[in-house]
Amino acid sequence: MNRADTRRGFTLIELMVAILIFALGIVGAVKLQMAAVVNNSASLQLSEAVSVTVDTIEKLKNLGLTSTSFGIGNHSGAAVTSAEGRVFRPTWNVSAIGSTKARNVTVTVTWEEKGMSHSTALSFVKGPNQP
């Protein structure tokens, strides 16, 4: 009786192929996790920037149209620092709407992350009849 015929198990080549397939799966999962972390960070930054933009718009909406903040041209607000230490800088551009006293206001918030500049912007109209 031949002992080779009665043994059961895996050959070394089969084990090496299985380990290789498993390792590729683990590498893929790690890369996927890293991409998720990066995207979550970008999402947090954008959420913070939009929050600063909306806060700036609310402050501007509460000012009268005769405020110096509504003079035609570019204006800057105070920088806002997030809990993570990220600095957001709000600016706004005011332009006249035809011959009316209404103003078109575009608020832009910029910030730096890893040497790259990012920004987000929202616009609103401020009319003479609004408080």
N, C-alpha and C. Protein backbone atom coordinates (compact mmCIF):
# COMPACT_ATOMS: atom_id res chain seq x y z
N MET A 1 0.83 -1.17 0.00
CA MET A 1 0.00 0.00 0.00
C MET A 1 0.88 1.24 0.00
N ASN A 2 0.52 2.17 -0.82
CA ASN A 2 1.30 3.40 -0.97
C ASN A 2 0.76 4.46 -0.02
N ARG A 3 1.64 4.98 0.84
CA ARG A 3 1.21 5.97 1.83
C ARG A 3 0.78 7.28 1.18
N ALA A 4 1.33 7.67 0.05
CA ALA A 4 0.99 8.93 -0.62
C ALA A 4 -0.47 8.95 -1.04
N ASP A 5 -1.02 7.78 -1.31
CA ASP A 5 -2.41 7.73 -1.73
C ASP A 5 -3.38 7.96 -0.58
N THR A 6 -2.99 7.68 0.64
CA THR A 6 -3.91 7.79 1.77
C THR A 6 -3.78 9.12 2.50
N ARG A 7 -2.76 9.91 2.25
CA ARG A 7 -2.59 11.19 2.94
C ARG A 7 -3.52 12.24 2.34
N ARG A 8 -4.04 13.02 3.22
CA ARG A 8 -4.89 14.12 2.79
C ARG A 8 -4.28 15.42 3.31
N GLY A 9 -4.56 16.53 2.60
CA GLY A 9 -4.02 17.82 3.02
C GLY A 9 -3.75 18.71 1.83
N PHE A 10 -3.02 19.78 2.09
CA PHE A 10 -2.71 20.76 1.05
C PHE A 10 -1.23 20.71 0.72
N THR A 11 -0.94 21.02 -0.51
CA THR A 11 0.47 21.08 -0.91
C THR A 11 1.00 22.47 -0.57
N LEU A 12 2.28 22.63 -0.59
CA LEU A 12 2.91 23.90 -0.29
C LEU A 12 2.47 24.97 -1.29
N ILE A 13 2.35 24.62 -2.53
CA ILE A 13 1.94 25.58 -3.56
C ILE A 13 0.51 26.07 -3.29
N GLU A 14 -0.38 25.16 -2.94
CA GLU A 14 -1.76 25.56 -2.63
C GLU A 14 -1.79 26.51 -1.45
N LEU A 15 -1.00 26.26 -0.42
CA LEU A 15 -0.94 27.15 0.73
C LEU A 15 -0.40 28.53 0.35
N MET A 16 0.64 28.57 -0.48
CA MET A 16 1.22 29.84 -0.91
C MET A 16 0.21 30.66 -1.72
N VAL A 17 -0.54 30.02 -2.59
CA VAL A 17 -1.56 30.71 -3.38
C VAL A 17 -2.66 31.24 -2.46
N ALA A 18 -3.08 30.46 -1.49
CA ALA A 18 -4.11 30.90 -0.54
C ALA A 18 -3.63 32.09 0.28
N ILE A 19 -2.39 32.06 0.74
CA ILE A 19 -1.83 33.17 1.51
C ILE A 19 -1.74 34.42 0.65
N LEU A 20 -1.34 34.27 -0.61
CA LEU A 20 -1.26 35.41 -1.52
C LEU A 20 -2.63 36.04 -1.74
N ILE A 21 -3.63 35.24 -1.97
CA ILE A 21 -4.99 35.76 -2.17
C ILE A 21 -5.48 36.47 -0.91
N PHE A 22 -5.23 35.88 0.25
CA PHE A 22 -5.62 36.50 1.51
C PHE A 22 -4.90 37.83 1.71
N ALA A 23 -3.60 37.87 1.41
CA ALA A 23 -2.82 39.10 1.58
C ALA A 23 -3.34 40.21 0.66
N LEU A 24 -3.68 39.87 -0.58
CA LEU A 24 -4.23 40.86 -1.50
C LEU A 24 -5.56 41.42 -0.98
N GLY A 25 -6.37 40.57 -0.41
CA GLY A 25 -7.64 41.02 0.17
C GLY A 25 -7.41 41.96 1.34
N ILE A 26 -6.45 41.65 2.19
CA ILE A 26 -6.15 42.51 3.34
C ILE A 26 -5.62 43.87 2.87
N VAL A 27 -4.72 43.86 1.88
CA VAL A 27 -4.18 45.11 1.34
C VAL A 27 -5.32 45.96 0.76
N GLY A 28 -6.23 45.35 0.06
CA GLY A 28 -7.37 46.08 -0.49
C GLY A 28 -8.24 46.69 0.59
N ALA A 29 -8.48 45.94 1.66
CA ALA A 29 -9.30 46.45 2.76
C ALA A 29 -8.61 47.61 3.46
N VAL A 30 -7.30 47.53 3.62
CA VAL A 30 -6.55 48.62 4.26
C VAL A 30 -6.61 49.88 3.40
N LYS A 31 -6.44 49.74 2.09
CA LYS A 31 -6.52 50.90 1.20
C LYS A 31 -7.91 51.51 1.22
N LEU A 32 -8.93 50.67 1.27
CA LEU A 32 -10.30 51.16 1.35
C LEU A 32 -10.52 51.96 2.63
N GLN A 33 -9.99 51.46 3.74
CA GLN A 33 -10.12 52.16 5.02
C GLN A 33 -9.38 53.50 4.98
N MET A 34 -8.20 53.52 4.39
CA MET A 34 -7.44 54.77 4.28
C MET A 34 -8.20 55.80 3.44
N ALA A 35 -8.81 55.37 2.36
CA ALA A 35 -9.58 56.28 1.51
C ALA A 35 -10.80 56.81 2.27
N ALA A 36 -11.42 55.98 3.08
CA ALA A 36 -12.58 56.42 3.87
C ALA A 36 -12.17 57.49 4.89
N VAL A 37 -11.02 57.32 5.51
CA VAL A 37 -10.54 58.30 6.49
C VAL A 37 -10.27 59.64 5.81
N VAL A 38 -9.63 59.61 4.65
CA VAL A 38 -9.33 60.84 3.91
C VAL A 38 -10.63 61.53 3.50
N ASN A 39 -11.59 60.77 2.98
CA ASN A 39 -12.86 61.37 2.56
C ASN A 39 -13.65 61.91 3.75
N ASN A 40 -13.60 61.25 4.89
CA ASN A 40 -14.28 61.76 6.08
C ASN A 40 -13.66 63.07 6.52
N SER A 41 -12.34 63.19 6.43
CA SER A 41 -11.67 64.42 6.79
C SER A 41 -12.08 65.56 5.85
N ALA A 42 -12.13 65.28 4.56
CA ALA A 42 -12.54 66.29 3.59
C ALA A 42 -13.99 66.71 3.83
N SER A 43 -14.84 65.76 4.17
CA SER A 43 -16.24 66.06 4.45
C SER A 43 -16.37 66.95 5.69
N LEU A 44 -15.59 66.66 6.72
CA LEU A 44 -15.60 67.47 7.94
C LEU A 44 -15.16 68.90 7.62
N GLN A 45 -14.11 69.05 6.84
CA GLN A 45 -13.62 70.39 6.48
C GLN A 45 -14.70 71.17 5.73
N LEU A 46 -15.34 70.53 4.78
CA LEU A 46 -16.37 71.21 4.00
C LEU A 46 -17.56 71.58 4.88
N SER A 47 -17.95 70.70 5.79
CA SER A 47 -19.05 71.00 6.71
C SER A 47 -18.72 72.19 7.59
N GLU A 48 -17.48 72.23 8.10
CA GLU A 48 -17.06 73.37 8.93
C GLU A 48 -17.06 74.65 8.12
N ALA A 49 -16.57 74.59 6.88
CA ALA A 49 -16.51 75.78 6.02
C ALA A 49 -17.92 76.29 5.70
N VAL A 50 -18.83 75.40 5.40
CA VAL A 50 -20.21 75.81 5.12
C VAL A 50 -20.84 76.42 6.37
N SER A 51 -20.54 75.88 7.54
CA SER A 51 -21.05 76.44 8.78
C SER A 51 -20.55 77.87 8.99
N VAL A 52 -19.26 78.10 8.74
CA VAL A 52 -18.69 79.45 8.86
C VAL A 52 -19.34 80.38 7.83
N THR A 53 -19.57 79.88 6.63
CA THR A 53 -20.20 80.67 5.57
C THR A 53 -21.61 81.08 5.98
N VAL A 54 -22.38 80.13 6.48
CA VAL A 54 -23.76 80.41 6.89
C VAL A 54 -23.78 81.37 8.08
N ASP A 55 -22.87 81.20 9.03
CA ASP A 55 -22.78 82.12 10.17
C ASP A 55 -22.49 83.55 9.70
N THR A 56 -21.58 83.67 8.74
CA THR A 56 -21.24 84.99 8.20
C THR A 56 -22.44 85.60 7.49
N ILE A 57 -23.16 84.80 6.73
CA ILE A 57 -24.37 85.29 6.05
C ILE A 57 -25.40 85.76 7.07
N GLU A 58 -25.60 85.00 8.12
CA GLU A 58 -26.57 85.40 9.16
C GLU A 58 -26.18 86.72 9.81
N LYS A 59 -24.90 86.90 10.09
CA LYS A 59 -24.44 88.17 10.67
C LYS A 59 -24.68 89.32 9.72
N LEU A 60 -24.40 89.10 8.43
CA LEU A 60 -24.61 90.15 7.45
C LEU A 60 -26.09 90.47 7.27
N LYS A 61 -26.93 89.45 7.28
CA LYS A 61 -28.36 89.67 7.12
C LYS A 61 -28.94 90.49 8.27
N ASN A 62 -28.33 90.40 9.45
CA ASN A 62 -28.82 91.15 10.60
C ASN A 62 -28.36 92.60 10.61
N LEU A 63 -27.47 92.97 9.69
CA LEU A 63 -27.01 94.36 9.59
C LEU A 63 -27.93 95.13 8.65
N GLY A 64 -28.00 96.44 8.85
CA GLY A 64 -28.76 97.29 7.94
C GLY A 64 -28.02 97.46 6.63
N LEU A 65 -28.75 97.79 5.58
CA LEU A 65 -28.16 97.96 4.26
C LEU A 65 -27.18 99.14 4.23
N THR A 66 -27.32 100.07 5.16
CA THR A 66 -26.42 101.23 5.21
C THR A 66 -25.11 100.91 5.92
N SER A 67 -24.97 99.71 6.44
CA SER A 67 -23.73 99.30 7.11
C SER A 67 -22.56 99.33 6.12
N THR A 68 -21.37 99.63 6.63
CA THR A 68 -20.18 99.64 5.76
C THR A 68 -19.89 98.26 5.19
N SER A 69 -20.44 97.22 5.79
CA SER A 69 -20.24 95.86 5.28
C SER A 69 -20.91 95.65 3.93
N PHE A 70 -21.84 96.54 3.57
CA PHE A 70 -22.55 96.41 2.30
C PHE A 70 -22.08 97.41 1.25
N GLY A 71 -20.93 98.04 1.49
CA GLY A 71 -20.35 98.91 0.47
C GLY A 71 -19.91 98.05 -0.72
N ILE A 72 -20.02 98.59 -1.92
CA ILE A 72 -19.64 97.84 -3.12
C ILE A 72 -18.16 97.48 -3.03
N GLY A 73 -17.83 96.21 -3.30
CA GLY A 73 -16.44 95.77 -3.29
C GLY A 73 -16.23 94.56 -2.41
N ASN A 74 -14.96 94.32 -2.07
CA ASN A 74 -14.58 93.15 -1.26
C ASN A 74 -14.41 93.53 0.20
N HIS A 75 -14.83 92.61 1.08
CA HIS A 75 -14.73 92.82 2.52
C HIS A 75 -14.20 91.55 3.17
N SER A 76 -13.60 91.69 4.36
CA SER A 76 -13.07 90.54 5.09
C SER A 76 -13.68 90.48 6.48
N GLY A 77 -13.88 89.25 6.96
CA GLY A 77 -14.36 89.04 8.31
C GLY A 77 -13.26 88.45 9.18
N ALA A 78 -13.56 88.27 10.43
CA ALA A 78 -12.58 87.69 11.36
C ALA A 78 -12.41 86.21 11.08
N ALA A 79 -11.17 85.76 11.14
CA ALA A 79 -10.87 84.34 10.92
C ALA A 79 -11.49 83.50 12.04
N VAL A 80 -11.92 82.30 11.69
CA VAL A 80 -12.52 81.36 12.64
C VAL A 80 -11.64 80.12 12.70
N THR A 81 -11.27 79.70 13.92
CA THR A 81 -10.43 78.51 14.09
C THR A 81 -11.29 77.36 14.60
N SER A 82 -11.18 76.21 13.93
CA SER A 82 -11.96 75.03 14.32
C SER A 82 -11.30 74.34 15.51
N ALA A 83 -11.99 73.35 16.05
CA ALA A 83 -11.47 72.58 17.18
C ALA A 83 -10.18 71.85 16.80
N GLU A 84 -10.03 71.50 15.51
CA GLU A 84 -8.82 70.81 15.04
C GLU A 84 -7.69 71.78 14.73
N GLY A 85 -7.94 73.09 14.88
CA GLY A 85 -6.91 74.09 14.62
C GLY A 85 -6.89 74.61 13.19
N ARG A 86 -7.88 74.23 12.40
CA ARG A 86 -7.98 74.69 11.02
C ARG A 86 -8.53 76.11 11.02
N VAL A 87 -7.93 77.01 10.24
CA VAL A 87 -8.34 78.42 10.21
C VAL A 87 -9.16 78.68 8.94
N PHE A 88 -10.37 79.19 9.14
CA PHE A 88 -11.27 79.53 8.04
C PHE A 88 -11.35 81.05 7.95
N ARG A 89 -11.18 81.58 6.73
CA ARG A 89 -11.17 83.03 6.54
C ARG A 89 -12.35 83.44 5.65
N PRO A 90 -13.36 84.10 6.25
CA PRO A 90 -14.51 84.54 5.45
C PRO A 90 -14.25 85.89 4.79
N THR A 91 -14.64 86.00 3.53
CA THR A 91 -14.63 87.26 2.79
C THR A 91 -15.95 87.35 2.05
N TRP A 92 -16.34 88.55 1.67
CA TRP A 92 -17.54 88.68 0.88
C TRP A 92 -17.38 89.81 -0.13
N ASN A 93 -18.05 89.63 -1.25
CA ASN A 93 -18.05 90.61 -2.33
C ASN A 93 -19.46 91.14 -2.46
N VAL A 94 -19.59 92.47 -2.49
CA VAL A 94 -20.90 93.11 -2.61
C VAL A 94 -20.96 93.80 -3.96
N SER A 95 -22.04 93.56 -4.69
CA SER A 95 -22.25 94.23 -5.98
C SER A 95 -23.67 94.74 -6.04
N ALA A 96 -23.85 95.83 -6.78
CA ALA A 96 -25.18 96.43 -6.94
C ALA A 96 -25.99 95.58 -7.91
N ILE A 97 -27.30 95.63 -7.72
CA ILE A 97 -28.22 94.94 -8.64
C ILE A 97 -28.95 96.01 -9.42
N GLY A 98 -28.48 96.27 -10.62
CA GLY A 98 -29.09 97.30 -11.48
C GLY A 98 -29.11 98.65 -10.79
N SER A 99 -30.23 99.37 -10.95
CA SER A 99 -30.36 100.70 -10.35
C SER A 99 -31.08 100.64 -9.00
N THR A 100 -31.34 99.44 -8.51
CA THR A 100 -32.01 99.30 -7.22
C THR A 100 -31.00 99.50 -6.09
N LYS A 101 -31.51 99.61 -4.90
CA LYS A 101 -30.63 99.72 -3.73
C LYS A 101 -30.24 98.35 -3.20
N ALA A 102 -30.76 97.31 -3.81
CA ALA A 102 -30.46 95.94 -3.37
C ALA A 102 -29.01 95.60 -3.71
N ARG A 103 -28.49 94.67 -2.93
CA ARG A 103 -27.11 94.24 -3.11
C ARG A 103 -27.04 92.73 -3.26
N ASN A 104 -26.19 92.27 -4.18
CA ASN A 104 -25.89 90.85 -4.31
C ASN A 104 -24.62 90.60 -3.50
N VAL A 105 -24.67 89.68 -2.56
CA VAL A 105 -23.54 89.42 -1.68
C VAL A 105 -23.12 87.96 -1.84
N THR A 106 -21.84 87.75 -2.15
CA THR A 106 -21.27 86.41 -2.25
C THR A 106 -20.25 86.24 -1.15
N VAL A 107 -20.53 85.31 -0.23
CA VAL A 107 -19.63 85.04 0.89
C VAL A 107 -18.77 83.83 0.52
N THR A 108 -17.47 84.00 0.63
CA THR A 108 -16.52 82.93 0.32
C THR A 108 -15.68 82.66 1.56
N VAL A 109 -15.54 81.39 1.90
CA VAL A 109 -14.68 80.99 3.02
C VAL A 109 -13.54 80.15 2.46
N THR A 110 -12.31 80.53 2.81
CA THR A 110 -11.13 79.79 2.34
C THR A 110 -10.39 79.20 3.53
N TRP A 111 -9.70 78.09 3.28
CA TRP A 111 -8.87 77.46 4.29
C TRP A 111 -7.76 76.68 3.62
N GLU A 112 -6.72 76.40 4.37
CA GLU A 112 -5.57 75.65 3.87
C GLU A 112 -5.55 74.27 4.53
N GLU A 113 -5.21 73.27 3.73
CA GLU A 113 -5.06 71.91 4.26
C GLU A 113 -3.97 71.22 3.47
N LYS A 114 -2.93 70.81 4.14
CA LYS A 114 -1.80 70.11 3.52
C LYS A 114 -1.23 70.89 2.34
N GLY A 115 -1.09 72.20 2.53
CA GLY A 115 -0.49 73.03 1.50
C GLY A 115 -1.39 73.40 0.35
N MET A 116 -2.64 72.96 0.38
CA MET A 116 -3.58 73.27 -0.69
C MET A 116 -4.65 74.21 -0.18
N SER A 117 -5.02 75.17 -1.01
CA SER A 117 -6.07 76.12 -0.66
C SER A 117 -7.43 75.58 -1.10
N HIS A 118 -8.41 75.69 -0.23
CA HIS A 118 -9.78 75.24 -0.52
C HIS A 118 -10.73 76.41 -0.26
N SER A 119 -11.89 76.37 -0.89
CA SER A 119 -12.88 77.42 -0.64
C SER A 119 -14.29 76.91 -0.92
N THR A 120 -15.23 77.61 -0.33
CA THR A 120 -16.64 77.36 -0.60
C THR A 120 -17.34 78.72 -0.60
N ALA A 121 -18.41 78.86 -1.37
CA ALA A 121 -19.07 80.16 -1.49
C ALA A 121 -20.58 79.98 -1.55
N LEU A 122 -21.28 80.95 -0.96
CA LEU A 122 -22.74 81.03 -1.02
C LEU A 122 -23.11 82.49 -1.28
N SER A 123 -24.24 82.71 -1.94
CA SER A 123 -24.70 84.07 -2.25
C SER A 123 -26.07 84.33 -1.69
N PHE A 124 -26.36 85.62 -1.47
CA PHE A 124 -27.70 86.04 -1.08
C PHE A 124 -27.91 87.48 -1.56
N VAL A 125 -29.18 87.90 -1.53
CA VAL A 125 -29.52 89.27 -1.93
C VAL A 125 -30.01 90.01 -0.70
N LYS A 126 -29.45 91.20 -0.49
CA LYS A 126 -29.88 92.07 0.63
C LYS A 126 -30.63 93.23 0.03
N GLY A 127 -31.90 93.37 0.39
CA GLY A 127 -32.74 94.43 -0.15
C GLY A 127 -32.90 95.57 0.83
N PRO A 128 -33.36 96.74 0.37
CA PRO A 128 -33.52 97.90 1.24
C PRO A 128 -34.65 97.74 2.26
N ASN A 129 -35.58 96.84 2.01
CA ASN A 129 -36.70 96.66 2.94
C ASN A 129 -36.45 95.59 3.98
N GLN A 130 -35.27 94.98 3.93
CA GLN A 130 -34.95 93.94 4.90
C GLN A 130 -34.24 94.57 6.10
N PRO A 131 -34.52 94.06 7.29
CA PRO A 131 -33.88 94.64 8.49
C PRO A 131 -32.39 94.46 8.48
